[in-house]
C-alpha atoms as a PDB file:
ATOM      1  CA  MET A   1      12.033  -4.344   3.498  1.00  0.00           C
ATOM      2  CA  LYS A   2      11.474  -2.033   6.468  1.00  0.00           C
ATOM      3  CA  PHE A   3       8.767  -0.241   4.498  1.00  0.00           C
ATOM      4  CA  CYS A   4       6.875  -3.562   4.487  1.00  0.00           C
ATOM      5  CA  ILE A   5       7.436  -4.510   8.131  1.00  0.00           C
ATOM      6  CA  PHE A   6       6.397  -1.093   9.474  1.00  0.00           C
ATOM      7  CA  PRO A   7       2.921  -1.149   7.835  1.00  0.00           C
ATOM      8  CA  GLN A   8       2.374  -4.731   8.973  1.00  0.00           C
ATOM      9  CA  ILE A   9       3.087  -3.772  12.589  1.00  0.00           C
ATOM     10  CA  GLN A  10       0.858  -0.729  12.232  1.00  0.00           C
ATOM     11  CA  GLY A  11      -1.907  -2.794  10.625  1.00  0.00           C
ATOM     12  CA  LEU A  12      -1.798  -5.276  13.502  1.00  0.00           C
ATOM     13  CA  PHE A  13      -1.854  -2.390  15.989  1.00  0.00           C
ATOM     14  CA  ALA A  14      -4.840  -0.824  14.207  1.00  0.00           C
ATOM     15  CA  LEU A  15      -6.667  -4.157  14.135  1.00  0.00           C
ATOM     16  CA  VAL A  16      -6.172  -4.771  17.865  1.00  0.00           C
ATOM     17  CA  THR A  17      -6.941  -1.216  19.012  1.00  0.00           C
ATOM     18  CA  GLY A  18      -9.963  -0.942  16.713  1.00  0.00           C
ATOM     19  CA  LEU A  19     -11.485  -4.125  18.111  1.00  0.00           C
ATOM     20  CA  PHE A  20     -10.588  -3.040  21.648  1.00  0.00           C
ATOM     21  CA  ASP A  21     -12.359   0.294  21.145  1.00  0.00           C
ATOM     22  CA  ILE A  22     -15.501  -1.511  20.013  1.00  0.00           C
ATOM     23  CA  TYR A  23     -15.296  -3.882  22.982  1.00  0.00           C
ATOM     24  CA  SER A  24     -14.659  -1.185  25.589  1.00  0.00           C
ATOM     25  CA  LEU A  25     -17.357   1.139  24.238  1.00  0.00           C
ATOM     26  CA  SER A  26     -19.920  -1.665  24.253  1.00  0.00           C
ATOM     27  CA  LEU A  27     -18.831  -2.782  27.721  1.00  0.00           C
ATOM     28  CA  ALA A  28     -19.087   0.718  29.192  1.00  0.00           C
ATOM     29  CA  GLU A  29     -22.494   1.476  27.692  1.00  0.00           C
ATOM     30  CA  PRO A  30     -24.634   3.473  30.160  1.00  0.00           C
ATOM     31  CA  GLY A  31     -27.265   1.302  31.820  1.00  0.00           C
ATOM     32  CA  SER A  32     -25.544  -1.984  30.968  1.00  0.00           C
ATOM     33  CA  SER A  33     -24.663  -4.486  33.686  1.00  0.00           C
ATOM     34  CA  HIS A  34     -21.713  -6.883  33.591  1.00  0.00           C
ATOM     35  CA  TYR A  35     -20.504  -9.557  35.946  1.00  0.00           C
ATOM     36  CA  GLY A  36     -16.981 -10.756  36.461  1.00  0.00           C
ATOM     37  CA  PHE A  37     -13.544  -9.350  37.102  1.00  0.00           C
ATOM     38  CA  TYR A  38     -11.917  -6.532  35.151  1.00  0.00           C
ATOM     39  CA  LEU A  39      -8.221  -6.047  34.585  1.00  0.00           C
ATOM     40  CA  PHE A  40      -8.511  -2.263  34.650  1.00  0.00           C
ATOM     41  CA  SER A  41     -11.043   0.516  35.055  1.00  0.00           C
ATOM     42  CA  TYR A  42     -13.113   1.659  32.083  1.00  0.00           C
ATOM     43  CA  ASP A  43     -13.411   5.227  33.316  1.00  0.00           C
ATOM     44  CA  PHE A  44     -11.491   6.437  30.251  1.00  0.00           C
ATOM     45  CA  VAL A  45     -14.173   5.124  27.850  1.00  0.00           C
ATOM     46  CA  TYR A  46     -16.544   7.706  26.374  1.00  0.00           C
ATOM     47  CA  ALA A  47     -20.017   7.396  27.914  1.00  0.00           C
ATOM     48  CA  GLY A  48     -21.725  10.594  26.780  1.00  0.00           C
ATOM     49  CA  ASN A  49     -23.840  11.227  23.703  1.00  0.00           C
ATOM     50  CA  LEU A  50     -25.166   8.046  22.092  1.00  0.00           C
ATOM     51  CA  ASN A  51     -24.454   9.218  18.533  1.00  0.00           C
ATOM     52  CA  VAL A  52     -20.862  10.102  19.383  1.00  0.00           C
ATOM     53  CA  ARG A  53     -20.422   6.742  21.070  1.00  0.00           C
ATOM     54  CA  ASN A  54     -21.792   4.901  18.059  1.00  0.00           C
ATOM     55  CA  SER A  55     -19.554   6.918  15.756  1.00  0.00           C
ATOM     56  CA  LEU A  56     -16.509   5.946  17.814  1.00  0.00           C
ATOM     57  CA  MET A  57     -17.508   2.292  17.556  1.00  0.00           C
ATOM     58  CA  LEU A  58     -17.980   2.658  13.803  1.00  0.00           C
ATOM     59  CA  PHE A  59     -14.586   4.322  13.470  1.00  0.00           C
ATOM     60  CA  GLY A  60     -13.036   1.487  15.457  1.00  0.00           C
ATOM     61  CA  GLY A  61     -14.530  -1.083  13.097  1.00  0.00           C
ATOM     62  CA  ILE A  62     -13.370   0.776   9.994  1.00  0.00           C
ATOM     63  CA  THR A  63      -9.900   1.185  11.511  1.00  0.00           C
ATOM     64  CA  ALA A  64      -9.714  -2.555  12.208  1.00  0.00           C
ATOM     65  CA  ALA A  65     -10.728  -3.316   8.611  1.00  0.00           C
ATOM     66  CA  GLY A  66      -8.176  -0.800   7.346  1.00  0.00           C
ATOM     67  CA  GLY A  67      -5.477  -2.415   9.464  1.00  0.00           C
ATOM     68  CA  LEU A  68      -6.281  -5.813   7.965  1.00  0.00           C
ATOM     69  CA  SER A  69      -6.141  -4.344   4.450  1.00  0.00           C
ATOM     70  CA  LEU A  70      -2.809  -2.730   5.260  1.00  0.00           C
ATOM     71  CA  ILE A  71      -1.378  -6.083   6.351  1.00  0.00           C
ATOM     72  CA  VAL A  72      -2.512  -7.800   3.131  1.00  0.00           C
ATOM     73  CA  THR A  73      -1.208  -5.065   0.826  1.00  0.00           C
ATOM     74  CA  SER A  74       2.078  -4.947   2.751  1.00  0.00           C
ATOM     75  CA  VAL A  75       2.564  -8.661   2.049  1.00  0.00           C
ATOM     76  CA  LEU A  76       2.027  -7.971  -1.667  1.00  0.00           C
ATOM     77  CA  LEU A  77       4.496  -5.080  -1.459  1.00  0.00           C
ATOM     78  CA  LEU A  78       7.057  -7.319   0.230  1.00  0.00           C
ATOM     79  CA  GLN A  79       6.715  -9.909  -2.527  1.00  0.00           C
ATOM     80  CA  GLY A  80       7.117  -7.246  -5.208  1.00  0.00           C
ATOM     81  CA  LEU A  81      10.239  -5.768  -3.626  1.00  0.00           C
ATOM     82  CA  ARG A  82      11.724  -9.218  -3.062  1.00  0.00           C
ATOM     83  CA  LYS A  83      11.232 -10.157  -6.709  1.00  0.00           C
ATOM     84  CA  GLU A  84      12.720  -6.837  -7.767  1.00  0.00           C
ATOM     85  CA  ASN A  85      15.797  -7.347  -5.582  1.00  0.00           C
ATOM     86  CA  GLU A  86      16.289 -10.876  -6.871  1.00  0.00           C
ATOM     87  CA  MET A  87      16.089  -9.590 -10.477  1.00  0.00           C
ATOM     88  CA  CYS A  88      13.624 -12.315 -11.347  1.00  0.00           C
ATOM     89  CA  LEU A  89      13.383 -12.543 -15.113  1.00  0.00           C
ATOM     90  CA  ASP A  90       9.946 -14.117 -15.250  1.00  0.00           C
ATOM     91  CA  LEU A  91       8.326 -11.164 -13.461  1.00  0.00           C
ATOM     92  CA  SER A  92       7.818  -8.106 -15.661  1.00  0.00           C
ATOM     93  CA  LEU A  93       7.879  -4.532 -14.470  1.00  0.00           C
ATOM     94  CA  GLN A  94       4.142  -4.262 -15.071  1.00  0.00           C
ATOM     95  CA  GLU A  95       3.555  -7.088 -12.592  1.00  0.00           C
ATOM     96  CA  ASN A  96       5.738  -5.326 -10.029  1.00  0.00           C
ATOM     97  CA  GLU A  97       3.726  -2.148 -10.538  1.00  0.00           C
ATOM     98  CA  MET A  98       0.518  -4.093  -9.942  1.00  0.00           C
ATOM     99  CA  ARG A  99       1.944  -5.333  -6.631  1.00  0.00           C
ATOM    100  CA  LEU A 100       2.814  -1.790  -5.520  1.00  0.00           C
ATOM    101  CA  GLU A 101      -0.412  -0.031  -6.508  1.00  0.00           C
ATOM    102  CA  PRO A 102      -2.718  -1.601  -3.855  1.00  0.00           C
ATOM    103  CA  TRP A 103      -0.307  -0.650  -1.056  1.00  0.00           C
ATOM    104  CA  ILE A 104       0.025   2.927  -2.321  1.00  0.00           C
ATOM    105  CA  TRP A 105      -3.735   3.438  -2.441  1.00  0.00           C
ATOM    106  CA  CYS A 106      -4.371   1.630   0.848  1.00  0.00           C
ATOM    107  CA  MET A 107      -1.670   3.555   2.698  1.00  0.00           C
ATOM    108  CA  ALA A 108      -2.886   6.910   1.352  1.00  0.00           C
ATOM    109  CA  VAL A 109      -6.528   6.259   2.286  1.00  0.00           C
ATOM    110  CA  PHE A 110      -5.644   4.748   5.670  1.00  0.00           C
ATOM    111  CA  THR A 111      -3.349   7.655   6.590  1.00  0.00           C
ATOM    112  CA  ALA A 112      -5.978  10.241   5.642  1.00  0.00           C
ATOM    113  CA  TRP A 113      -8.630   8.276   7.541  1.00  0.00           C
ATOM    114  CA  ARG A 114      -6.580   7.956  10.709  1.00  0.00           C
ATOM    115  CA  SER A 115      -5.665  11.645  10.570  1.00  0.00           C
ATOM    116  CA  LEU A 116      -9.356  12.572  10.626  1.00  0.00           C
ATOM    117  CA  VAL A 117     -10.216   9.984  13.283  1.00  0.00           C
ATOM    118  CA  ILE A 118      -7.436  11.025  15.657  1.00  0.00           C
ATOM    119  CA  ILE A 119      -8.567  14.658  15.427  1.00  0.00           C
ATOM    120  CA  TYR A 120     -12.179  13.663  16.117  1.00  0.00           C
ATOM    121  CA  ALA A 121     -11.238  11.320  18.966  1.00  0.00           C
ATOM    122  CA  SER A 122      -9.011  13.958  20.565  1.00  0.00           C
ATOM    123  CA  ILE A 123     -11.947  16.373  20.579  1.00  0.00           C
ATOM    124  CA  VAL A 124     -14.671  14.098  21.975  1.00  0.00           C
ATOM    125  CA  ASN A 125     -12.563  12.040  24.398  1.00  0.00           C
ATOM    126  CA  ASP A 126     -11.306  13.290  27.734  1.00  0.00           C
ATOM    127  CA  MET A 127      -7.575  13.810  27.205  1.00  0.00           C
ATOM    128  CA  VAL A 128      -6.744  13.652  30.914  1.00  0.00           C
ATOM    129  CA  PHE A 129      -6.552   9.859  30.712  1.00  0.00           C
ATOM    130  CA  THR A 130      -3.253   8.219  29.830  1.00  0.00           C
ATOM    131  CA  TYR A 131      -4.857   5.870  27.286  1.00  0.00           C
ATOM    132  CA  HIS A 132      -6.155   8.682  25.077  1.00  0.00           C
ATOM    133  CA  ILE A 133      -2.904  10.640  25.339  1.00  0.00           C
ATOM    134  CA  LEU A 134      -0.855   7.557  24.452  1.00  0.00           C
ATOM    135  CA  MET A 135      -3.111   6.681  21.494  1.00  0.00           C
ATOM    136  CA  CYS A 136      -2.908  10.242  20.199  1.00  0.00           C
ATOM    137  CA  LEU A 137       0.896  10.335  20.371  1.00  0.00           C
ATOM    138  CA  LEU A 138       1.316   6.865  18.856  1.00  0.00           C
ATOM    139  CA  TRP A 139      -0.991   7.602  15.940  1.00  0.00           C
ATOM    140  CA  ILE A 140       0.771  10.892  15.257  1.00  0.00           C
ATOM    141  CA  LEU A 141       4.052   8.961  15.013  1.00  0.00           C
ATOM    142  CA  PHE A 142       2.405   6.337  12.812  1.00  0.00           C
ATOM    143  CA  ILE A 143       0.974   9.002  10.500  1.00  0.00           C
ATOM    144  CA  LEU A 144       4.359  10.709  10.112  1.00  0.00           C
ATOM    145  CA  GLY A 145       5.967   7.340   9.372  1.00  0.00           C
ATOM    146  CA  ASN A 146       3.217   6.589   6.856  1.00  0.00           C
ATOM    147  CA  ILE A 147       3.866   9.807   4.973  1.00  0.00           C
ATOM    148  CA  TYR A 148       7.594   9.073   4.736  1.00  0.00           C
ATOM    149  CA  ALA A 149       7.053   5.444   3.678  1.00  0.00           C
ATOM    150  CA  TRP A 150       4.429   6.459   1.120  1.00  0.00           C
ATOM    151  CA  LEU A 151       6.742   9.035  -0.464  1.00  0.00           C
ATOM    152  CA  VAL A 152       9.588   6.510  -0.747  1.00  0.00           C
ATOM    153  CA  VAL A 153       7.460   3.720  -2.221  1.00  0.00           C
ATOM    154  CA  HIS A 154       5.628   6.106  -4.554  1.00  0.00           C
ATOM    155  CA  SER A 155       8.923   7.453  -5.907  1.00  0.00           C
ATOM    156  CA  PHE A 156      10.083   3.873  -6.497  1.00  0.00           C
ATOM    157  CA  TYR A 157       6.771   3.139  -8.235  1.00  0.00           C
ATOM    158  CA  HIS A 158       7.228   6.219 -10.428  1.00  0.00           C
ATOM    159  CA  GLU A 159      10.701   5.026 -11.433  1.00  0.00           C
ATOM    160  CA  LEU A 160       9.293   1.613 -12.360  1.00  0.00           C
ATOM    161  CA  CYS A 161       6.657   3.290 -14.517  1.00  0.00           C
ATOM    162  CA  GLU A 162       9.308   5.342 -16.321  1.00  0.00           C
ATOM    163  CA  ILE A 163      11.478   2.266 -16.902  1.00  0.00           C
ATOM    164  CA  SER A 164       8.524   0.291 -18.238  1.00  0.00           C
ATOM    165  CA  LYS A 165       7.698   3.141 -20.625  1.00  0.00           C
ATOM    166  CA  LEU A 166      11.288   3.168 -21.885  1.00  0.00           C
ATOM    167  CA  GLU A 167      11.150  -0.595 -22.348  1.00  0.00           C
ATOM    168  CA  ASP A 168       7.919  -0.271 -24.319  1.00  0.00           C
ATOM    169  CA  VAL A 169       9.473   2.371 -26.583  1.00  0.00           C
ATOM    170  CA  ALA A 170      12.578   0.227 -27.121  1.00  0.00           C
ATOM    171  CA  ARG A 171      10.401  -2.814 -27.868  1.00  0.00           C
ATOM    172  CA  VAL A 172       8.405  -0.865 -30.454  1.00  0.00           C
ATOM    173  CA  LYS A 173      11.604   0.360 -32.106  1.00  0.00           C
ATOM    174  CA  MET A 174      12.985  -3.176 -32.274  1.00  0.00           C
ATOM    175  CA  GLU A 175       9.748  -4.450 -33.801  1.00  0.00           C
ATOM    176  CA  VAL A 176       9.782  -1.674 -36.409  1.00  0.00           C
ATOM    177  CA  MET A 177      13.419  -2.330 -37.285  1.00  0.00           C
ATOM    178  CA  SER A 178      12.801  -6.072 -37.564  1.00  0.00           C
ATOM    179  CA  SER A 179       9.794  -5.475 -39.815  1.00  0.00           C
ATOM    180  CA  PHE A 180      11.907  -3.222 -42.054  1.00  0.00           C
ATOM    181  CA  SER A 181      14.610  -5.877 -42.256  1.00  0.00           C
ATOM    182  CA  ALA A 182      12.072  -8.556 -43.142  1.00  0.00           C
ATOM    183  CA  SER A 183      10.459  -6.463 -45.896  1.00  0.00           C
ATOM    184  CA  ARG A 184      13.767  -5.380 -47.504  1.00  0.00           C
ATOM    185  CA  PRO A 185      14.326  -7.152 -50.926  1.00  0.00           C
ATOM    186  CA  THR A 186      17.359  -9.376 -50.966  1.00  0.00           C
ATOM    187  CA  THR A 187      19.559  -9.970 -54.084  1.00  0.00           C
ATOM    188  CA  PRO A 188      21.660 -13.031 -53.509  1.00  0.00           C
ATOM    189  CA  GLY A 189      25.072 -12.851 -55.152  1.00  0.00           C
ATOM    190  CA  THR A 190      25.293 -15.644 -57.757  1.00  0.00           C
ATOM    191  CA  LYS A 191      27.992 -16.172 -60.280  1.00  0.00           C
ATOM    192  CA  SER A 192      26.884 -15.973 -63.913  1.00  0.00           C
ATOM    193  CA  ASP A 193      27.885 -18.801 -66.260  1.00  0.00           C
ATOM    194  CA  VAL A 194      27.567 -16.617 -69.374  1.00  0.00           C
ATOM    195  CA  THR A 195      30.888 -15.307 -70.678  1.00  0.00           C
ATOM    196  CA  THR A 196      31.157 -12.226 -72.751  1.00  0.00           C
ATOM    197  CA  LYS A 197      33.500 -12.128 -75.682  1.00  0.00           C
ATOM    198  CA  MET A 198      34.984  -9.145 -77.406  1.00  0.00           C
ATOM    199  CA  ILE A 199      33.811  -8.947 -81.005  1.00  0.00           C
ATOM    200  CA  PRO A 200      36.652  -7.703 -83.196  1.00  0.00           C
END
């Protein structure tokens, strides 16, 4: 179950930080004026090249969408593992595999995406600020945890595939044996009323 809770927490973190990056980058746009009170200074926000700034906002939006997808697929994974632990008879192995596949693909793509984004963000952002250093360290920990969780769930998925293949082979053998038994001619044992006599 921890392999389902961890991605949900990470997905929520990615959703919040992605939206916050979009908000802070739009708020700290050069030449923009804002009125009101601020909880903290936005000196850490990138305010250089316009294309780089727009790319960071785009990456924040994609990260937020990826976090939402990770939450949804983690819920499906949790349902699949719960059904597997309860040994539910009305849920086949193929249905369990279908519940695991979206999470495996989503986690792989999201981990690769965040690995590229954290490298890019570490290059363009000023790493003297605590926010950027903290985000870099947290995402490195998340990525390492993602790799471990992905390997565990993928190995479990591979075992399910092997078991389903064995079940398919056994089912085919049973069908062949039953068809042979049905086509075999039967000779019911009946007593004959005709008596044979010895002719002297």
